[in-house]
């Protein structure tokens, strides 16, 4: 369990999920907001309210990674020089914006200005994800010191966000519903394909160094990778195909796709940490 860095797994995945959910909701609002029926808007409202709890849970989990949780405030003492301090500050800003966003969905869901707040959460959130990924791009850790780390973090947000909104709007009726499902299906499908390309690129680094080879072998030889492949990649791809073909998916199938992606991304993040941390001591 020690090499899984589980508090960081939960912090990064839940934080990125919240940002991706906001981004997906905001895109749907800008693209289809005027044509969605009341039932669909109520579903989106559930997603909008869920953004704050996801961010909050992620930040709570992150504290358990610290040796002295009560001294967590010291983590921002090196702002401007330490990437970790910048990551914490960025997610604090995301948390404040998420509070405003979720409150607006809860109290004033008809307020059009919430789209602007959603856009702010999305932009600041993506910047926070990039900053977070740079915490791990260390020259001393070759398996992390790559564009693949940033890409994987961003794609977690995009995949979780698009599947979550697809689940919420899976039963939307009418012509507008068909357009929304097809668009979300494309979002999910593209995200899954990009995840596969990043994994393929990572696999090709085998042989670059002893550490890199060990990381690749640990990733693709793990049972966690099987979980991620089957329910975190293949299942959402089938789900995306149903949406792109404008075939109505049952609520059960949509829920299974969402649960599969969540478990798949958690498994992938466990592999991210354990494939490198499992090699300790490095010298």
C-alpha atoms as a PDB file:
ATOM      1  CA  UNK A   1       0.000   0.000   0.000  1.00  0.00           C
ATOM      2  CA  UNK A   2       2.926   2.318   0.745  1.00  0.00           C
ATOM      3  CA  UNK A   3       4.032   2.503  -2.878  1.00  0.00           C
ATOM      4  CA  UNK A   4       0.503   3.292  -4.076  1.00  0.00           C
ATOM      5  CA  UNK A   5       0.536   6.764  -2.491  1.00  0.00           C
ATOM      6  CA  UNK A   6      -3.223   6.331  -2.078  1.00  0.00           C
ATOM      7  CA  UNK A   7      -3.967   9.798  -0.610  1.00  0.00           C
ATOM      8  CA  UNK A   8      -2.329  11.339  -3.687  1.00  0.00           C
ATOM      9  CA  UNK A   9      -4.227   8.962  -5.959  1.00  0.00           C
ATOM     10  CA  UNK A  10      -7.511  10.189  -4.484  1.00  0.00           C
ATOM     11  CA  UNK A  11      -6.451  13.846  -4.424  1.00  0.00           C
ATOM     12  CA  UNK A  12      -5.346  13.966  -8.057  1.00  0.00           C
ATOM     13  CA  UNK A  13      -8.173  11.847  -9.497  1.00  0.00           C
ATOM     14  CA  UNK A  14     -10.995  13.540  -7.560  1.00  0.00           C
ATOM     15  CA  UNK A  15      -9.608  17.027  -8.198  1.00  0.00           C
ATOM     16  CA  UNK A  16      -9.230  16.327 -11.908  1.00  0.00           C
ATOM     17  CA  UNK A  17     -12.692  14.754 -12.014  1.00  0.00           C
ATOM     18  CA  UNK A  18     -14.221  17.939 -10.594  1.00  0.00           C
ATOM     19  CA  UNK A  19     -12.430  20.095 -13.171  1.00  0.00           C
ATOM     20  CA  UNK A  20     -13.378  17.813 -16.041  1.00  0.00           C
ATOM     21  CA  UNK A  21     -16.991  17.699 -14.866  1.00  0.00           C
ATOM     22  CA  UNK A  22     -17.143  21.493 -14.821  1.00  0.00           C
ATOM     23  CA  UNK A  23     -15.590  21.695 -18.270  1.00  0.00           C
ATOM     24  CA  UNK A  24     -18.033  19.170 -19.749  1.00  0.00           C
ATOM     25  CA  UNK A  25     -21.072  20.856 -18.174  1.00  0.00           C
ATOM     26  CA  UNK A  26     -19.905  24.277 -19.356  1.00  0.00           C
ATOM     27  CA  UNK A  27     -19.374  23.056 -22.927  1.00  0.00           C
ATOM     28  CA  UNK A  28     -22.842  21.480 -22.977  1.00  0.00           C
ATOM     29  CA  UNK A  29     -24.366  24.699 -21.646  1.00  0.00           C
ATOM     30  CA  UNK A  30     -22.654  26.849 -24.268  1.00  0.00           C
ATOM     31  CA  UNK A  31     -23.422  24.448 -27.119  1.00  0.00           C
ATOM     32  CA  UNK A  32     -26.922  23.216 -26.229  1.00  0.00           C
ATOM     33  CA  UNK A  33     -28.128  25.249 -23.242  1.00  0.00           C
ATOM     34  CA  UNK A  34     -30.997  26.924 -25.080  1.00  0.00           C
ATOM     35  CA  UNK A  35     -32.366  23.651 -26.464  1.00  0.00           C
ATOM     36  CA  UNK A  36     -32.174  21.429 -23.374  1.00  0.00           C
ATOM     37  CA  UNK A  37     -35.444  20.587 -21.662  1.00  0.00           C
ATOM     38  CA  UNK A  38     -36.125  21.080 -17.967  1.00  0.00           C
ATOM     39  CA  UNK A  39     -35.376  17.451 -17.111  1.00  0.00           C
ATOM     40  CA  UNK A  40     -31.932  17.676 -18.701  1.00  0.00           C
ATOM     41  CA  UNK A  41     -31.149  20.918 -16.879  1.00  0.00           C
ATOM     42  CA  UNK A  42     -32.089  19.287 -13.577  1.00  0.00           C
ATOM     43  CA  UNK A  43     -29.591  16.524 -14.335  1.00  0.00           C
ATOM     44  CA  UNK A  44     -26.887  19.074 -15.120  1.00  0.00           C
ATOM     45  CA  UNK A  45     -27.727  20.809 -11.850  1.00  0.00           C
ATOM     46  CA  UNK A  46     -26.831  17.600 -10.004  1.00  0.00           C
ATOM     47  CA  UNK A  47     -23.465  17.585 -11.726  1.00  0.00           C
ATOM     48  CA  UNK A  48     -22.850  21.247 -11.017  1.00  0.00           C
ATOM     49  CA  UNK A  49     -23.577  20.799  -7.312  1.00  0.00           C
ATOM     50  CA  UNK A  50     -21.241  17.767  -7.211  1.00  0.00           C
ATOM     51  CA  UNK A  51     -18.204  19.823  -8.310  1.00  0.00           C
ATOM     52  CA  UNK A  52     -17.523  21.294  -4.851  1.00  0.00           C
ATOM     53  CA  UNK A  53     -17.720  17.974  -2.937  1.00  0.00           C
ATOM     54  CA  UNK A  54     -15.304  16.386  -5.409  1.00  0.00           C
ATOM     55  CA  UNK A  55     -12.783  19.205  -4.987  1.00  0.00           C
ATOM     56  CA  UNK A  56     -13.279  19.173  -1.219  1.00  0.00           C
ATOM     57  CA  UNK A  57     -12.776  15.418  -0.923  1.00  0.00           C
ATOM     58  CA  UNK A  58      -9.650  15.594  -3.058  1.00  0.00           C
ATOM     59  CA  UNK A  59      -8.107  18.303  -0.895  1.00  0.00           C
ATOM     60  CA  UNK A  60      -9.013  16.470   2.316  1.00  0.00           C
ATOM     61  CA  UNK A  61      -7.391  13.286   1.024  1.00  0.00           C
ATOM     62  CA  UNK A  62      -4.226  15.185   0.112  1.00  0.00           C
ATOM     63  CA  UNK A  63      -3.637  16.164   3.759  1.00  0.00           C
ATOM     64  CA  UNK A  64      -3.246  12.486   4.737  1.00  0.00           C
ATOM     65  CA  UNK A  65      -0.144  12.299   2.555  1.00  0.00           C
ATOM     66  CA  UNK A  66       1.660  14.708   4.902  1.00  0.00           C
ATOM     67  CA  UNK A  67       3.790  13.467   7.763  1.00  0.00           C
ATOM     68  CA  UNK A  68       2.252  16.169   9.984  1.00  0.00           C
ATOM     69  CA  UNK A  69      -1.247  17.005   8.670  1.00  0.00           C
ATOM     70  CA  UNK A  70      -1.718  19.778  11.253  1.00  0.00           C
ATOM     71  CA  UNK A  71       1.245  21.597   9.709  1.00  0.00           C
ATOM     72  CA  UNK A  72      -0.273  21.547   6.224  1.00  0.00           C
ATOM     73  CA  UNK A  73      -0.257  25.344   6.030  1.00  0.00           C
ATOM     74  CA  UNK A  74       3.532  25.237   5.769  1.00  0.00           C
ATOM     75  CA  UNK A  75       3.196  23.556   2.384  1.00  0.00           C
ATOM     76  CA  UNK A  76       2.571  26.955   0.767  1.00  0.00           C
ATOM     77  CA  UNK A  77       5.517  28.661   2.460  1.00  0.00           C
ATOM     78  CA  UNK A  78       7.685  28.336  -0.642  1.00  0.00           C
ATOM     79  CA  UNK A  79       5.266  29.790  -3.154  1.00  0.00           C
ATOM     80  CA  UNK A  80       7.155  31.120  -6.149  1.00  0.00           C
ATOM     81  CA  UNK A  81      10.040  28.685  -5.782  1.00  0.00           C
ATOM     82  CA  UNK A  82       8.406  25.294  -5.150  1.00  0.00           C
ATOM     83  CA  UNK A  83       6.053  23.593  -7.600  1.00  0.00           C
ATOM     84  CA  UNK A  84       4.264  21.851  -4.736  1.00  0.00           C
ATOM     85  CA  UNK A  85       3.373  25.187  -3.137  1.00  0.00           C
ATOM     86  CA  UNK A  86       2.088  26.439  -6.494  1.00  0.00           C
ATOM     87  CA  UNK A  87      -0.013  23.280  -6.876  1.00  0.00           C
ATOM     88  CA  UNK A  88      -1.637  23.775  -3.478  1.00  0.00           C
ATOM     89  CA  UNK A  89      -2.356  27.446  -4.127  1.00  0.00           C
ATOM     90  CA  UNK A  90      -3.808  26.637  -7.558  1.00  0.00           C
ATOM     91  CA  UNK A  91      -6.194  24.071  -6.105  1.00  0.00           C
ATOM     92  CA  UNK A  92      -7.205  26.431  -3.296  1.00  0.00           C
ATOM     93  CA  UNK A  93      -8.247  28.919  -6.004  1.00  0.00           C
ATOM     94  CA  UNK A  94     -10.073  26.117  -7.821  1.00  0.00           C
ATOM     95  CA  UNK A  95     -11.827  25.271  -4.548  1.00  0.00           C
ATOM     96  CA  UNK A  96     -13.030  28.843  -4.056  1.00  0.00           C
ATOM     97  CA  UNK A  97     -14.321  29.022  -7.623  1.00  0.00           C
ATOM     98  CA  UNK A  98     -15.944  25.589  -7.235  1.00  0.00           C
ATOM     99  CA  UNK A  99     -17.737  26.854  -4.124  1.00  0.00           C
ATOM    100  CA  UNK A 100     -19.217  29.749  -6.101  1.00  0.00           C
ATOM    101  CA  UNK A 101     -20.064  27.491  -9.056  1.00  0.00           C
ATOM    102  CA  UNK A 102     -21.803  24.777  -7.043  1.00  0.00           C
ATOM    103  CA  UNK A 103     -23.639  27.368  -4.953  1.00  0.00           C
ATOM    104  CA  UNK A 104     -24.992  29.010  -8.110  1.00  0.00           C
ATOM    105  CA  UNK A 105     -26.200  25.656  -9.430  1.00  0.00           C
ATOM    106  CA  UNK A 106     -27.847  24.966  -6.070  1.00  0.00           C
ATOM    107  CA  UNK A 107     -29.488  28.337  -5.435  1.00  0.00           C
ATOM    108  CA  UNK A 108     -29.758  30.080  -8.825  1.00  0.00           C
ATOM    109  CA  UNK A 109     -29.578  27.404 -11.553  1.00  0.00           C
ATOM    110  CA  UNK A 110     -31.275  29.717 -14.050  1.00  0.00           C
ATOM    111  CA  UNK A 111     -28.603  32.414 -13.662  1.00  0.00           C
ATOM    112  CA  UNK A 112     -26.800  32.610 -17.010  1.00  0.00           C
ATOM    113  CA  UNK A 113     -23.653  34.011 -15.387  1.00  0.00           C
ATOM    114  CA  UNK A 114     -22.878  30.607 -13.925  1.00  0.00           C
ATOM    115  CA  UNK A 115     -21.546  29.671 -17.371  1.00  0.00           C
ATOM    116  CA  UNK A 116     -18.857  32.316 -16.957  1.00  0.00           C
ATOM    117  CA  UNK A 117     -17.989  30.927 -13.528  1.00  0.00           C
ATOM    118  CA  UNK A 118     -17.879  27.446 -15.036  1.00  0.00           C
ATOM    119  CA  UNK A 119     -15.524  28.720 -17.711  1.00  0.00           C
ATOM    120  CA  UNK A 120     -13.304  30.242 -15.004  1.00  0.00           C
ATOM    121  CA  UNK A 121     -13.244  26.962 -13.039  1.00  0.00           C
ATOM    122  CA  UNK A 122     -12.377  25.081 -16.239  1.00  0.00           C
ATOM    123  CA  UNK A 123      -9.523  27.385 -17.301  1.00  0.00           C
ATOM    124  CA  UNK A 124      -8.010  27.778 -13.833  1.00  0.00           C
ATOM    125  CA  UNK A 125      -8.563  24.068 -13.219  1.00  0.00           C
ATOM    126  CA  UNK A 126      -6.684  23.010 -16.353  1.00  0.00           C
ATOM    127  CA  UNK A 127      -3.818  25.303 -15.336  1.00  0.00           C
ATOM    128  CA  UNK A 128      -3.877  23.690 -11.868  1.00  0.00           C
ATOM    129  CA  UNK A 129      -3.720  20.221 -13.440  1.00  0.00           C
ATOM    130  CA  UNK A 130      -0.697  21.218 -15.532  1.00  0.00           C
ATOM    131  CA  UNK A 131       1.023  22.664 -12.455  1.00  0.00           C
ATOM    132  CA  UNK A 132       0.190  19.483 -10.534  1.00  0.00           C
ATOM    133  CA  UNK A 133       1.736  17.313 -13.253  1.00  0.00           C
ATOM    134  CA  UNK A 134       4.930  19.381 -13.166  1.00  0.00           C
ATOM    135  CA  UNK A 135       5.429  18.386  -9.520  1.00  0.00           C
ATOM    136  CA  UNK A 136       6.333  14.932 -10.870  1.00  0.00           C
ATOM    137  CA  UNK A 137       8.370  15.841 -13.948  1.00  0.00           C
ATOM    138  CA  UNK A 138      11.657  15.350 -12.134  1.00  0.00           C
ATOM    139  CA  UNK A 139      14.865  14.683 -14.120  1.00  0.00           C
ATOM    140  CA  UNK A 140      15.826  12.127 -11.460  1.00  0.00           C
ATOM    141  CA  UNK A 141      12.680  10.084 -12.129  1.00  0.00           C
ATOM    142  CA  UNK A 142      12.768   9.285 -15.831  1.00  0.00           C
ATOM    143  CA  UNK A 143       9.423   7.467 -15.878  1.00  0.00           C
ATOM    144  CA  UNK A 144       7.659  10.679 -14.796  1.00  0.00           C
ATOM    145  CA  UNK A 145       9.832  13.271 -16.505  1.00  0.00           C
ATOM    146  CA  UNK A 146       7.825  13.337 -19.737  1.00  0.00           C
ATOM    147  CA  UNK A 147       4.947  15.054 -21.521  1.00  0.00           C
ATOM    148  CA  UNK A 148       3.052  11.814 -20.881  1.00  0.00           C
ATOM    149  CA  UNK A 149       2.573  12.765 -17.218  1.00  0.00           C
ATOM    150  CA  UNK A 150       0.842  16.034 -18.094  1.00  0.00           C
ATOM    151  CA  UNK A 151      -1.185  14.379 -20.850  1.00  0.00           C
ATOM    152  CA  UNK A 152      -2.347  11.600 -18.510  1.00  0.00           C
ATOM    153  CA  UNK A 153      -3.471  14.080 -15.843  1.00  0.00           C
ATOM    154  CA  UNK A 154      -5.394  16.232 -18.332  1.00  0.00           C
ATOM    155  CA  UNK A 155      -7.000  13.204 -19.986  1.00  0.00           C
ATOM    156  CA  UNK A 156      -8.213  11.930 -16.610  1.00  0.00           C
ATOM    157  CA  UNK A 157     -10.168  15.174 -16.281  1.00  0.00           C
ATOM    158  CA  UNK A 158     -11.536  15.038 -19.825  1.00  0.00           C
ATOM    159  CA  UNK A 159     -12.555  11.373 -19.670  1.00  0.00           C
ATOM    160  CA  UNK A 160     -14.150  11.494 -16.225  1.00  0.00           C
ATOM    161  CA  UNK A 161     -15.926  14.762 -17.013  1.00  0.00           C
ATOM    162  CA  UNK A 162     -17.350  13.670 -20.353  1.00  0.00           C
ATOM    163  CA  UNK A 163     -18.503  10.259 -19.080  1.00  0.00           C
ATOM    164  CA  UNK A 164     -20.099  11.865 -16.011  1.00  0.00           C
ATOM    165  CA  UNK A 165     -22.157  14.286 -18.087  1.00  0.00           C
ATOM    166  CA  UNK A 166     -22.980  11.513 -20.561  1.00  0.00           C
ATOM    167  CA  UNK A 167     -24.339   9.512 -17.638  1.00  0.00           C
ATOM    168  CA  UNK A 168     -26.397  12.464 -16.413  1.00  0.00           C
ATOM    169  CA  UNK A 169     -27.890  13.118 -19.860  1.00  0.00           C
ATOM    170  CA  UNK A 170     -28.156   9.507 -21.049  1.00  0.00           C
ATOM    171  CA  UNK A 171     -31.971   9.616 -21.061  1.00  0.00           C
ATOM    172  CA  UNK A 172     -32.424  13.072 -22.598  1.00  0.00           C
ATOM    173  CA  UNK A 173     -35.290  13.023 -25.106  1.00  0.00           C
ATOM    174  CA  UNK A 174     -35.913  14.767 -28.419  1.00  0.00           C
ATOM    175  CA  UNK A 175     -33.729  16.047 -31.229  1.00  0.00           C
ATOM    176  CA  UNK A 176     -31.644  18.116 -28.807  1.00  0.00           C
ATOM    177  CA  UNK A 177     -31.060  15.000 -26.722  1.00  0.00           C
ATOM    178  CA  UNK A 178     -29.767  13.120 -29.749  1.00  0.00           C
ATOM    179  CA  UNK A 179     -27.327  15.909 -30.578  1.00  0.00           C
ATOM    180  CA  UNK A 180     -26.091  16.079 -26.999  1.00  0.00           C
ATOM    181  CA  UNK A 181     -25.595  12.310 -26.787  1.00  0.00           C
ATOM    182  CA  UNK A 182     -23.718  12.211 -30.084  1.00  0.00           C
ATOM    183  CA  UNK A 183     -21.458  15.103 -29.042  1.00  0.00           C
ATOM    184  CA  UNK A 184     -20.755  13.544 -25.652  1.00  0.00           C
ATOM    185  CA  UNK A 185     -20.098  10.213 -27.325  1.00  0.00           C
ATOM    186  CA  UNK A 186     -17.465  11.900 -29.495  1.00  0.00           C
ATOM    187  CA  UNK A 187     -15.907  13.539 -26.422  1.00  0.00           C
ATOM    188  CA  UNK A 188     -15.720  10.198 -24.621  1.00  0.00           C
ATOM    189  CA  UNK A 189     -14.421   8.342 -27.677  1.00  0.00           C
ATOM    190  CA  UNK A 190     -11.702  10.883 -28.422  1.00  0.00           C
ATOM    191  CA  UNK A 191     -10.630  10.907 -24.769  1.00  0.00           C
ATOM    192  CA  UNK A 192     -10.341   7.120 -24.684  1.00  0.00           C
ATOM    193  CA  UNK A 193      -8.345   7.058 -27.929  1.00  0.00           C
ATOM    194  CA  UNK A 194      -5.960   9.691 -26.573  1.00  0.00           C
ATOM    195  CA  UNK A 195      -5.533   7.694 -23.351  1.00  0.00           C
ATOM    196  CA  UNK A 196      -4.597   4.692 -25.479  1.00  0.00           C
ATOM    197  CA  UNK A 197      -2.086   6.733 -27.483  1.00  0.00           C
ATOM    198  CA  UNK A 198      -0.409   8.002 -24.292  1.00  0.00           C
ATOM    199  CA  UNK A 199      -0.194   4.462 -22.944  1.00  0.00           C
ATOM    200  CA  UNK A 200       1.252   3.284 -26.258  1.00  0.00           C
ATOM    201  CA  UNK A 201       3.837   6.046 -26.181  1.00  0.00           C
ATOM    202  CA  UNK A 202       4.764   5.090 -22.626  1.00  0.00           C
ATOM    203  CA  UNK A 203       5.174   1.441 -23.643  1.00  0.00           C
ATOM    204  CA  UNK A 204       7.628   2.455 -26.372  1.00  0.00           C
ATOM    205  CA  UNK A 205       9.983   3.931 -23.743  1.00  0.00           C
ATOM    206  CA  UNK A 206      10.868   0.411 -22.605  1.00  0.00           C
ATOM    207  CA  UNK A 207      14.636   0.039 -22.853  1.00  0.00           C
ATOM    208  CA  UNK A 208      15.404   3.756 -22.487  1.00  0.00           C
ATOM    209  CA  UNK A 209      16.887   3.053 -19.045  1.00  0.00           C
ATOM    210  CA  UNK A 210      16.735   0.397 -16.333  1.00  0.00           C
ATOM    211  CA  UNK A 211      14.276   2.471 -14.310  1.00  0.00           C
ATOM    212  CA  UNK A 212      12.110   3.171 -17.356  1.00  0.00           C
ATOM    213  CA  UNK A 213      12.018  -0.501 -18.334  1.00  0.00           C
ATOM    214  CA  UNK A 214      11.068  -1.485 -14.786  1.00  0.00           C
ATOM    215  CA  UNK A 215       8.286   1.134 -14.725  1.00  0.00           C
ATOM    216  CA  UNK A 216       6.851  -0.041 -18.051  1.00  0.00           C
ATOM    217  CA  UNK A 217       7.022  -3.691 -17.003  1.00  0.00           C
ATOM    218  CA  UNK A 218       5.396  -2.936 -13.637  1.00  0.00           C
ATOM    219  CA  UNK A 219       2.603  -0.985 -15.355  1.00  0.00           C
ATOM    220  CA  UNK A 220       1.625  -3.430 -18.072  1.00  0.00           C
ATOM    221  CA  UNK A 221       2.277  -6.546 -15.982  1.00  0.00           C
ATOM    222  CA  UNK A 222       0.013  -5.480 -13.126  1.00  0.00           C
ATOM    223  CA  UNK A 223      -3.517  -6.692 -12.452  1.00  0.00           C
ATOM    224  CA  UNK A 224      -4.453  -3.036 -12.038  1.00  0.00           C
ATOM    225  CA  UNK A 225      -3.695  -2.525 -15.725  1.00  0.00           C
ATOM    226  CA  UNK A 226      -6.141  -5.301 -16.634  1.00  0.00           C
ATOM    227  CA  UNK A 227      -8.814  -3.506 -14.609  1.00  0.00           C
ATOM    228  CA  UNK A 228      -8.033  -0.231 -16.315  1.00  0.00           C
ATOM    229  CA  UNK A 229      -8.019  -1.778 -19.779  1.00  0.00           C
ATOM    230  CA  UNK A 230     -11.280  -3.699 -19.464  1.00  0.00           C
ATOM    231  CA  UNK A 231     -13.547  -1.362 -17.504  1.00  0.00           C
ATOM    232  CA  UNK A 232     -11.672   1.924 -17.817  1.00  0.00           C
ATOM    233  CA  UNK A 233     -10.951   1.899 -21.560  1.00  0.00           C
ATOM    234  CA  UNK A 234     -12.874  -0.784 -23.449  1.00  0.00           C
ATOM    235  CA  UNK A 235     -16.188  -0.305 -21.610  1.00  0.00           C
ATOM    236  CA  UNK A 236     -16.346   3.493 -22.118  1.00  0.00           C
ATOM    237  CA  UNK A 237     -15.385   3.016 -25.762  1.00  0.00           C
ATOM    238  CA  UNK A 238     -18.439   0.763 -26.237  1.00  0.00           C
ATOM    239  CA  UNK A 239     -20.492   3.340 -24.341  1.00  0.00           C
ATOM    240  CA  UNK A 240     -19.195   6.096 -26.641  1.00  0.00           C
ATOM    241  CA  UNK A 241     -20.129   4.019 -29.682  1.00  0.00           C
ATOM    242  CA  UNK A 242     -23.726   3.787 -28.461  1.00  0.00           C
ATOM    243  CA  UNK A 243     -23.903   7.543 -28.004  1.00  0.00           C
ATOM    244  CA  UNK A 244     -22.279   8.362 -31.341  1.00  0.00           C
ATOM    245  CA  UNK A 245     -24.765   6.030 -33.040  1.00  0.00           C
ATOM    246  CA  UNK A 246     -27.578   7.832 -31.178  1.00  0.00           C
ATOM    247  CA  UNK A 247     -28.625   4.613 -29.520  1.00  0.00           C
ATOM    248  CA  UNK A 248     -30.240   5.156 -26.158  1.00  0.00           C
ATOM    249  CA  UNK A 249     -28.264   3.523 -23.389  1.00  0.00           C
ATOM    250  CA  UNK A 250     -29.970   2.228 -20.279  1.00  0.00           C
ATOM    251  CA  UNK A 251     -29.307   4.024 -17.032  1.00  0.00           C
ATOM    252  CA  UNK A 252     -27.637   0.854 -15.765  1.00  0.00           C
ATOM    253  CA  UNK A 253     -25.190   0.766 -18.682  1.00  0.00           C
ATOM    254  CA  UNK A 254     -24.420   4.462 -18.299  1.00  0.00           C
ATOM    255  CA  UNK A 255     -23.826   4.001 -14.570  1.00  0.00           C
ATOM    256  CA  UNK A 256     -21.566   1.011 -15.215  1.00  0.00           C
ATOM    257  CA  UNK A 257     -19.558   3.046 -17.730  1.00  0.00           C
ATOM    258  CA  UNK A 258     -19.097   5.840 -15.188  1.00  0.00           C
ATOM    259  CA  UNK A 259     -18.103   3.464 -12.381  1.00  0.00           C
ATOM    260  CA  UNK A 260     -15.756   1.680 -14.789  1.00  0.00           C
ATOM    261  CA  UNK A 261     -14.008   4.900 -15.772  1.00  0.00           C
ATOM    262  CA  UNK A 262     -13.654   6.020 -12.138  1.00  0.00           C
ATOM    263  CA  UNK A 263     -12.141   2.661 -11.140  1.00  0.00           C
ATOM    264  CA  UNK A 264     -10.033   2.642 -14.306  1.00  0.00           C
ATOM    265  CA  UNK A 265      -8.556   6.072 -13.599  1.00  0.00           C
ATOM    266  CA  UNK A 266      -7.926   5.170  -9.958  1.00  0.00           C
ATOM    267  CA  UNK A 267      -6.142   2.024 -11.141  1.00  0.00           C
ATOM    268  CA  UNK A 268      -4.128   4.010 -13.659  1.00  0.00           C
ATOM    269  CA  UNK A 269      -3.056   6.521 -11.012  1.00  0.00           C
ATOM    270  CA  UNK A 270      -2.075   3.711  -8.638  1.00  0.00           C
ATOM    271  CA  UNK A 271       0.133   2.369 -11.421  1.00  0.00           C
ATOM    272  CA  UNK A 272       1.579   5.838 -12.002  1.00  0.00           C
ATOM    273  CA  UNK A 273       2.851   5.990  -8.430  1.00  0.00           C
ATOM    274  CA  UNK A 274       3.625   2.324  -7.734  1.00  0.00           C
ATOM    275  CA  UNK A 275       5.600   1.720 -10.953  1.00  0.00           C
ATOM    276  CA  UNK A 276       8.160   4.292  -9.769  1.00  0.00           C
ATOM    277  CA  UNK A 277       7.807   4.258  -5.978  1.00  0.00           C
ATOM    278  CA  UNK A 278       7.972   0.470  -5.993  1.00  0.00           C
ATOM    279  CA  UNK A 279      11.570   0.711  -7.198  1.00  0.00           C
ATOM    280  CA  UNK A 280      12.706   2.506  -4.010  1.00  0.00           C
ATOM    281  CA  UNK A 281      15.532   2.583  -2.896  1.00  0.00           C
ATOM    282  CA  UNK A 282      16.778   4.006  -6.173  1.00  0.00           C
ATOM    283  CA  UNK A 283      20.450   4.157  -5.268  1.00  0.00           C
END
